[in-house]
């Protein structure tokens, strides 16, 4: 992802760690996850500092699909 490469290394490491945890268990309580509503119904938001990771969960196959990674203001546009 182009937006990922533009982030500083420290934030990239935090994102990598959060994504790894998410992949192991998408319903972890120690991550700042919120179920989205409205036009984003079926999506989840993972907050990592000022960055938002928007994703969906394929429960049948046990997969997490990352749809967007953006700073807070641009994540939902």
PDB file of N, CA and C in Angstrom:
ATOM      1  N   UNK A   1       0.840  -1.178   0.000  1.00  0.00           N
ATOM      2  CA  UNK A   1       0.000   0.000   0.000  1.00  0.00           C
ATOM      3  C   UNK A   1       0.884   1.239   0.000  1.00  0.00           C
ATOM      4  N   UNK A   2       0.574   2.137  -0.886  1.00  0.00           N
ATOM      5  CA  UNK A   2       1.358   3.363  -1.001  1.00  0.00           C
ATOM      6  C   UNK A   2       1.307   4.173   0.291  1.00  0.00           C
ATOM      7  N   UNK A   3       0.125   4.281   0.904  1.00  0.00           N
ATOM      8  CA  UNK A   3       0.000   5.077   2.122  1.00  0.00           C
ATOM      9  C   UNK A   3       0.819   4.476   3.270  1.00  0.00           C
ATOM     10  N   UNK A   4       0.977   3.165   3.288  1.00  0.00           N
ATOM     11  CA  UNK A   4       1.772   2.493   4.318  1.00  0.00           C
ATOM     12  C   UNK A   4       3.240   2.869   4.188  1.00  0.00           C
ATOM     13  N   UNK A   5       3.745   2.855   2.977  1.00  0.00           N
ATOM     14  CA  UNK A   5       5.164   3.160   2.750  1.00  0.00           C
ATOM     15  C   UNK A   5       5.513   4.597   3.116  1.00  0.00           C
ATOM     16  N   UNK A   6       4.543   5.476   3.114  1.00  0.00           N
ATOM     17  CA  UNK A   6       4.788   6.890   3.442  1.00  0.00           C
ATOM     18  C   UNK A   6       4.876   7.147   4.947  1.00  0.00           C
ATOM     19  N   UNK A   7       4.459   6.186   5.750  1.00  0.00           N
ATOM     20  CA  UNK A   7       4.462   6.358   7.202  1.00  0.00           C
ATOM     21  C   UNK A   7       5.861   6.139   7.762  1.00  0.00           C
ATOM     22  N   UNK A   8       6.119   6.727   8.945  1.00  0.00           N
ATOM     23  CA  UNK A   8       7.432   6.520   9.560  1.00  0.00           C
ATOM     24  C   UNK A   8       7.550   5.075  10.050  1.00  0.00           C
ATOM     25  N   UNK A   9       8.774   4.617  10.191  1.00  0.00           N
ATOM     26  CA  UNK A   9       9.060   3.212  10.512  1.00  0.00           C
ATOM     27  C   UNK A   9       8.422   2.775  11.832  1.00  0.00           C
ATOM     28  N   UNK A  10       8.431   3.650  12.825  1.00  0.00           N
ATOM     29  CA  UNK A  10       7.856   3.308  14.127  1.00  0.00           C
ATOM     30  C   UNK A  10       6.363   2.987  14.002  1.00  0.00           C
ATOM     31  N   UNK A  11       5.646   3.795  13.233  1.00  0.00           N
ATOM     32  CA  UNK A  11       4.221   3.558  13.024  1.00  0.00           C
ATOM     33  C   UNK A  11       3.998   2.309  12.175  1.00  0.00           C
ATOM     34  N   UNK A  12       4.863   2.071  11.206  1.00  0.00           N
ATOM     35  CA  UNK A  12       4.759   0.852  10.396  1.00  0.00           C
ATOM     36  C   UNK A  12       4.882  -0.393  11.275  1.00  0.00           C
ATOM     37  N   UNK A  13       5.781  -0.349  12.238  1.00  0.00           N
ATOM     38  CA  UNK A  13       5.962  -1.486  13.151  1.00  0.00           C
ATOM     39  C   UNK A  13       4.704  -1.700  13.986  1.00  0.00           C
ATOM     40  N   UNK A  14       4.112  -0.614  14.497  1.00  0.00           N
ATOM     41  CA  UNK A  14       2.871  -0.721  15.271  1.00  0.00           C
ATOM     42  C   UNK A  14       1.753  -1.318  14.422  1.00  0.00           C
ATOM     43  N   UNK A  15       1.668  -0.887  13.170  1.00  0.00           N
ATOM     44  CA  UNK A  15       0.644  -1.410  12.263  1.00  0.00           C
ATOM     45  C   UNK A  15       0.887  -2.893  12.008  1.00  0.00           C
ATOM     46  N   UNK A  16       2.132  -3.264  11.749  1.00  0.00           N
ATOM     47  CA  UNK A  16       2.475  -4.673  11.514  1.00  0.00           C
ATOM     48  C   UNK A  16       2.067  -5.546  12.702  1.00  0.00           C
ATOM     49  N   UNK A  17       2.365  -5.078  13.905  1.00  0.00           N
ATOM     50  CA  UNK A  17       2.028  -5.836  15.111  1.00  0.00           C
ATOM     51  C   UNK A  17       0.517  -5.971  15.268  1.00  0.00           C
ATOM     52  N   UNK A  18      -0.215  -4.885  15.020  1.00  0.00           N
ATOM     53  CA  UNK A  18      -1.674  -4.915  15.146  1.00  0.00           C
ATOM     54  C   UNK A  18      -2.298  -5.835  14.101  1.00  0.00           C
ATOM     55  N   UNK A  19      -1.790  -5.793  12.880  1.00  0.00           N
ATOM     56  CA  UNK A  19      -2.318  -6.649  11.812  1.00  0.00           C
ATOM     57  C   UNK A  19      -2.036  -8.117  12.127  1.00  0.00           C
ATOM     58  N   UNK A  20      -0.877  -8.395  12.684  1.00  0.00           N
ATOM     59  CA  UNK A  20      -0.555  -9.773  13.065  1.00  0.00           C
ATOM     60  C   UNK A  20      -1.531 -10.275  14.132  1.00  0.00           C
ATOM     61  N   UNK A  21      -1.801  -9.448  15.143  1.00  0.00           N
ATOM     62  CA  UNK A  21      -2.768  -9.816  16.184  1.00  0.00           C
ATOM     63  C   UNK A  21      -4.157 -10.011  15.585  1.00  0.00           C
ATOM     64  N   UNK A  22      -4.523  -9.121  14.680  1.00  0.00           N
ATOM     65  CA  UNK A  22      -5.829  -9.190  14.025  1.00  0.00           C
ATOM     66  C   UNK A  22      -5.969 -10.483  13.232  1.00  0.00           C
ATOM     67  N   UNK A  23      -4.902 -10.886  12.569  1.00  0.00           N
ATOM     68  CA  UNK A  23      -4.921 -12.122  11.797  1.00  0.00           C
ATOM     69  C   UNK A  23      -5.084 -13.359  12.664  1.00  0.00           C
ATOM     70  N   UNK A  24      -4.547 -13.309  13.873  1.00  0.00           N
ATOM     71  CA  UNK A  24      -4.666 -14.442  14.791  1.00  0.00           C
ATOM     72  C   UNK A  24      -6.061 -14.531  15.398  1.00  0.00           C
ATOM     73  N   UNK A  25      -6.642 -13.361  15.708  1.00  0.00           N
ATOM     74  CA  UNK A  25      -7.981 -13.325  16.304  1.00  0.00           C
ATOM     75  C   UNK A  25      -8.617 -11.971  16.013  1.00  0.00           C
ATOM     76  N   UNK A  26      -9.504 -11.893  15.006  1.00  0.00           N
ATOM     77  CA  UNK A  26     -10.104 -10.609  14.628  1.00  0.00           C
ATOM     78  C   UNK A  26     -11.016  -9.999  15.690  1.00  0.00           C
ATOM     79  N   UNK A  27     -11.340 -10.749  16.737  1.00  0.00           N
ATOM     80  CA  UNK A  27     -12.230 -10.236  17.779  1.00  0.00           C
ATOM     81  C   UNK A  27     -11.499  -9.976  19.085  1.00  0.00           C
ATOM     82  N   UNK A  28     -10.211  -9.713  19.004  1.00  0.00           N
ATOM     83  CA  UNK A  28      -9.410  -9.436  20.201  1.00  0.00           C
ATOM     84  C   UNK A  28      -9.942  -8.213  20.929  1.00  0.00           C
ATOM     85  N   UNK A  29      -9.885  -8.262  22.231  1.00  0.00           N
ATOM     86  CA  UNK A  29     -10.352  -7.135  23.048  1.00  0.00           C
ATOM     87  C   UNK A  29      -9.248  -6.109  23.315  1.00  0.00           C
ATOM     88  N   UNK A  30      -7.994  -6.480  23.064  1.00  0.00           N
ATOM     89  CA  UNK A  30      -6.902  -5.556  23.367  1.00  0.00           C
ATOM     90  C   UNK A  30      -6.582  -4.621  22.205  1.00  0.00           C
ATOM     91  N   UNK A  31      -7.338  -4.705  21.109  1.00  0.00           N
ATOM     92  CA  UNK A  31      -7.168  -3.796  19.979  1.00  0.00           C
ATOM     93  C   UNK A  31      -8.324  -2.804  19.968  1.00  0.00           C
ATOM     94  N   UNK A  32      -8.079  -1.609  19.474  1.00  0.00           N
ATOM     95  CA  UNK A  32      -9.116  -0.575  19.414  1.00  0.00           C
ATOM     96  C   UNK A  32      -9.927  -0.769  18.134  1.00  0.00           C
ATOM     97  N   UNK A  33     -10.881  -1.702  18.186  1.00  0.00           N
ATOM     98  CA  UNK A  33     -11.699  -2.062  17.024  1.00  0.00           C
ATOM     99  C   UNK A  33     -13.117  -1.553  17.230  1.00  0.00           C
ATOM    100  N   UNK A  34     -13.705  -1.077  16.153  1.00  0.00           N
ATOM    101  CA  UNK A  34     -15.084  -0.606  16.195  1.00  0.00           C
ATOM    102  C   UNK A  34     -15.804  -1.117  14.952  1.00  0.00           C
ATOM    103  N   UNK A  35     -17.002  -1.646  15.141  1.00  0.00           N
ATOM    104  CA  UNK A  35     -17.827  -2.078  14.017  1.00  0.00           C
ATOM    105  C   UNK A  35     -18.445  -0.829  13.393  1.00  0.00           C
ATOM    106  N   UNK A  36     -18.348  -0.712  12.077  1.00  0.00           N
ATOM    107  CA  UNK A  36     -18.847   0.476  11.399  1.00  0.00           C
ATOM    108  C   UNK A  36     -20.299   0.288  10.962  1.00  0.00           C
ATOM    109  N   UNK A  37     -20.977   1.405  10.715  1.00  0.00           N
ATOM    110  CA  UNK A  37     -22.396   1.394  10.368  1.00  0.00           C
ATOM    111  C   UNK A  37     -22.631   2.208   9.102  1.00  0.00           C
ATOM    112  N   UNK A  38     -23.885   2.307   8.698  1.00  0.00           N
ATOM    113  CA  UNK A  38     -24.241   3.107   7.523  1.00  0.00           C
ATOM    114  C   UNK A  38     -23.687   2.502   6.255  1.00  0.00           C
ATOM    115  N   UNK A  39     -23.081   3.336   5.417  1.00  0.00           N
ATOM    116  CA  UNK A  39     -22.546   2.844   4.146  1.00  0.00           C
ATOM    117  C   UNK A  39     -21.364   1.897   4.345  1.00  0.00           C
ATOM    118  N   UNK A  40     -20.816   1.851   5.560  1.00  0.00           N
ATOM    119  CA  UNK A  40     -19.694   0.960   5.863  1.00  0.00           C
ATOM    120  C   UNK A  40     -20.134  -0.274   6.660  1.00  0.00           C
ATOM    121  N   UNK A  41     -21.419  -0.586   6.612  1.00  0.00           N
ATOM    122  CA  UNK A  41     -21.940  -1.754   7.317  1.00  0.00           C
ATOM    123  C   UNK A  41     -21.182  -3.003   6.854  1.00  0.00           C
ATOM    124  N   UNK A  42     -20.766  -3.825   7.798  1.00  0.00           N
ATOM    125  CA  UNK A  42     -20.000  -5.023   7.484  1.00  0.00           C
ATOM    126  C   UNK A  42     -18.495  -4.813   7.581  1.00  0.00           C
ATOM    127  N   UNK A  43     -18.085  -3.561   7.757  1.00  0.00           N
ATOM    128  CA  UNK A  43     -16.663  -3.231   7.885  1.00  0.00           C
ATOM    129  C   UNK A  43     -16.334  -2.961   9.348  1.00  0.00           C
ATOM    130  N   UNK A  44     -15.058  -3.070   9.654  1.00  0.00           N
ATOM    131  CA  UNK A  44     -14.548  -2.759  10.981  1.00  0.00           C
ATOM    132  C   UNK A  44     -13.429  -1.741  10.840  1.00  0.00           C
ATOM    133  N   UNK A  45     -13.210  -0.993  11.930  1.00  0.00           N
ATOM    134  CA  UNK A  45     -12.146  -0.001  11.962  1.00  0.00           C
ATOM    135  C   UNK A  45     -11.186  -0.361  13.089  1.00  0.00           C
ATOM    136  N   UNK A  46      -9.916  -0.401  12.764  1.00  0.00           N
ATOM    137  CA  UNK A  46      -8.873  -0.607  13.767  1.00  0.00           C
ATOM    138  C   UNK A  46      -8.101   0.698  13.878  1.00  0.00           C
ATOM    139  N   UNK A  47      -8.083   1.267  15.069  1.00  0.00           N
ATOM    140  CA  UNK A  47      -7.375   2.527  15.288  1.00  0.00           C
ATOM    141  C   UNK A  47      -5.970   2.234  15.790  1.00  0.00           C
ATOM    142  N   UNK A  48      -4.997   2.832  15.100  1.00  0.00           N
ATOM    143  CA  UNK A  48      -3.593   2.721  15.498  1.00  0.00           C
ATOM    144  C   UNK A  48      -3.058   4.147  15.510  1.00  0.00           C
ATOM    145  N   UNK A  49      -3.141   4.792  16.657  1.00  0.00           N
ATOM    146  CA  UNK A  49      -2.759   6.201  16.744  1.00  0.00           C
ATOM    147  C   UNK A  49      -3.679   7.048  15.883  1.00  0.00           C
ATOM    148  N   UNK A  50      -3.113   7.843  15.000  1.00  0.00           N
ATOM    149  CA  UNK A  50      -3.895   8.697  14.101  1.00  0.00           C
ATOM    150  C   UNK A  50      -4.270   7.988  12.801  1.00  0.00           C
ATOM    151  N   UNK A  51      -3.897   6.721  12.685  1.00  0.00           N
ATOM    152  CA  UNK A  51      -4.153   5.955  11.462  1.00  0.00           C
ATOM    153  C   UNK A  51      -5.339   5.026  11.682  1.00  0.00           C
ATOM    154  N   UNK A  52      -6.158   4.874  10.645  1.00  0.00           N
ATOM    155  CA  UNK A  52      -7.296   3.964  10.685  1.00  0.00           C
ATOM    156  C   UNK A  52      -7.113   2.889   9.634  1.00  0.00           C
ATOM    157  N   UNK A  53      -7.337   1.655  10.034  1.00  0.00           N
ATOM    158  CA  UNK A  53      -7.279   0.520   9.133  1.00  0.00           C
ATOM    159  C   UNK A  53      -8.717   0.010   9.001  1.00  0.00           C
ATOM    160  N   UNK A  54      -9.253   0.015   7.790  1.00  0.00           N
ATOM    161  CA  UNK A  54     -10.619  -0.432   7.536  1.00  0.00           C
ATOM    162  C   UNK A  54     -10.535  -1.834   6.949  1.00  0.00           C
ATOM    163  N   UNK A  55     -11.304  -2.760   7.510  1.00  0.00           N
ATOM    164  CA  UNK A  55     -11.200  -4.145   7.054  1.00  0.00           C
ATOM    165  C   UNK A  55     -12.535  -4.870   7.166  1.00  0.00           C
ATOM    166  N   UNK A  56     -12.607  -6.019   6.512  1.00  0.00           N
ATOM    167  CA  UNK A  56     -13.757  -6.912   6.609  1.00  0.00           C
ATOM    168  C   UNK A  56     -13.254  -8.279   7.064  1.00  0.00           C
ATOM    169  N   UNK A  57     -14.166  -9.066   7.589  1.00  0.00           N
ATOM    170  CA  UNK A  57     -13.829 -10.407   8.062  1.00  0.00           C
ATOM    171  C   UNK A  57     -14.642 -11.418   7.268  1.00  0.00           C
ATOM    172  N   UNK A  58     -13.963 -12.377   6.675  1.00  0.00           N
ATOM    173  CA  UNK A  58     -14.606 -13.499   5.990  1.00  0.00           C
ATOM    174  C   UNK A  58     -14.677 -14.633   7.011  1.00  0.00           C
ATOM    175  N   UNK A  59     -15.793 -14.712   7.698  1.00  0.00           N
ATOM    176  CA  UNK A  59     -15.945 -15.688   8.791  1.00  0.00           C
ATOM    177  C   UNK A  59     -15.872 -17.129   8.286  1.00  0.00           C
ATOM    178  N   UNK A  60     -16.416 -17.371   7.105  1.00  0.00           N
ATOM    179  CA  UNK A  60     -16.424 -18.727   6.545  1.00  0.00           C
ATOM    180  C   UNK A  60     -15.018 -19.285   6.378  1.00  0.00           C
ATOM    181  N   UNK A  61     -14.133 -18.459   5.836  1.00  0.00           N
ATOM    182  CA  UNK A  61     -12.773 -18.899   5.533  1.00  0.00           C
ATOM    183  C   UNK A  61     -11.741 -18.446   6.565  1.00  0.00           C
ATOM    184  N   UNK A  62     -12.183 -17.685   7.565  1.00  0.00           N
ATOM    185  CA  UNK A  62     -11.271 -17.221   8.598  1.00  0.00           C
ATOM    186  C   UNK A  62     -10.234 -16.234   8.097  1.00  0.00           C
ATOM    187  N   UNK A  63     -10.646 -15.353   7.179  1.00  0.00           N
ATOM    188  CA  UNK A  63      -9.718 -14.381   6.592  1.00  0.00           C
ATOM    189  C   UNK A  63     -10.103 -12.959   6.965  1.00  0.00           C
ATOM    190  N   UNK A  64      -9.101 -12.100   7.034  1.00  0.00           N
ATOM    191  CA  UNK A  64      -9.302 -10.670   7.254  1.00  0.00           C
ATOM    192  C   UNK A  64      -8.804  -9.955   6.009  1.00  0.00           C
ATOM    193  N   UNK A  65      -9.658  -9.112   5.415  1.00  0.00           N
ATOM    194  CA  UNK A  65      -9.293  -8.346   4.221  1.00  0.00           C
ATOM    195  C   UNK A  65      -9.130  -6.878   4.596  1.00  0.00           C
ATOM    196  N   UNK A  66      -7.951  -6.339   4.384  1.00  0.00           N
ATOM    197  CA  UNK A  66      -7.700  -4.926   4.652  1.00  0.00           C
ATOM    198  C   UNK A  66      -8.113  -4.141   3.417  1.00  0.00           C
ATOM    199  N   UNK A  67      -9.058  -3.213   3.616  1.00  0.00           N
ATOM    200  CA  UNK A  67      -9.597  -2.434   2.509  1.00  0.00           C
ATOM    201  C   UNK A  67      -8.984  -1.047   2.393  1.00  0.00           C
ATOM    202  N   UNK A  68      -8.581  -0.466   3.512  1.00  0.00           N
ATOM    203  CA  UNK A  68      -8.028   0.887   3.461  1.00  0.00           C
ATOM    204  C   UNK A  68      -7.137   1.132   4.667  1.00  0.00           C
ATOM    205  N   UNK A  69      -6.158   1.981   4.466  1.00  0.00           N
ATOM    206  CA  UNK A  69      -5.275   2.453   5.524  1.00  0.00           C
ATOM    207  C   UNK A  69      -5.084   3.937   5.272  1.00  0.00           C
ATOM    208  N   UNK A  70      -5.521   4.758   6.215  1.00  0.00           N
ATOM    209  CA  UNK A  70      -5.440   6.204   6.003  1.00  0.00           C
ATOM    210  C   UNK A  70      -5.402   6.926   7.341  1.00  0.00           C
ATOM    211  N   UNK A  71      -4.957   8.179   7.289  1.00  0.00           N
ATOM    212  CA  UNK A  71      -5.029   9.013   8.479  1.00  0.00           C
ATOM    213  C   UNK A  71      -6.489   9.236   8.821  1.00  0.00           C
ATOM    214  N   UNK A  72      -6.740   9.533  10.055  1.00  0.00           N
ATOM    215  CA  UNK A  72      -8.089   9.624  10.605  1.00  0.00           C
ATOM    216  C   UNK A  72      -9.069  10.379   9.716  1.00  0.00           C
ATOM    217  N   UNK A  73      -8.713  11.535   9.245  1.00  0.00           N
ATOM    218  CA  UNK A  73      -9.633  12.358   8.462  1.00  0.00           C
ATOM    219  C   UNK A  73      -9.976  11.798   7.095  1.00  0.00           C
ATOM    220  N   UNK A  74      -9.082  11.006   6.503  1.00  0.00           N
ATOM    221  CA  UNK A  74      -9.315  10.518   5.152  1.00  0.00           C
ATOM    222  C   UNK A  74      -9.735   9.067   5.061  1.00  0.00           C
ATOM    223  N   UNK A  75      -9.881   8.399   6.179  1.00  0.00           N
ATOM    224  CA  UNK A  75     -10.155   6.959   6.162  1.00  0.00           C
ATOM    225  C   UNK A  75     -11.535   6.618   5.640  1.00  0.00           C
ATOM    226  N   UNK A  76     -12.492   7.520   5.785  1.00  0.00           N
ATOM    227  CA  UNK A  76     -13.872   7.185   5.438  1.00  0.00           C
ATOM    228  C   UNK A  76     -14.345   7.880   4.178  1.00  0.00           C
ATOM    229  N   UNK A  77     -13.419   8.368   3.378  1.00  0.00           N
ATOM    230  CA  UNK A  77     -13.796   9.086   2.148  1.00  0.00           C
ATOM    231  C   UNK A  77     -13.678   8.186   0.952  1.00  0.00           C
TER     232      UNK A  77
END
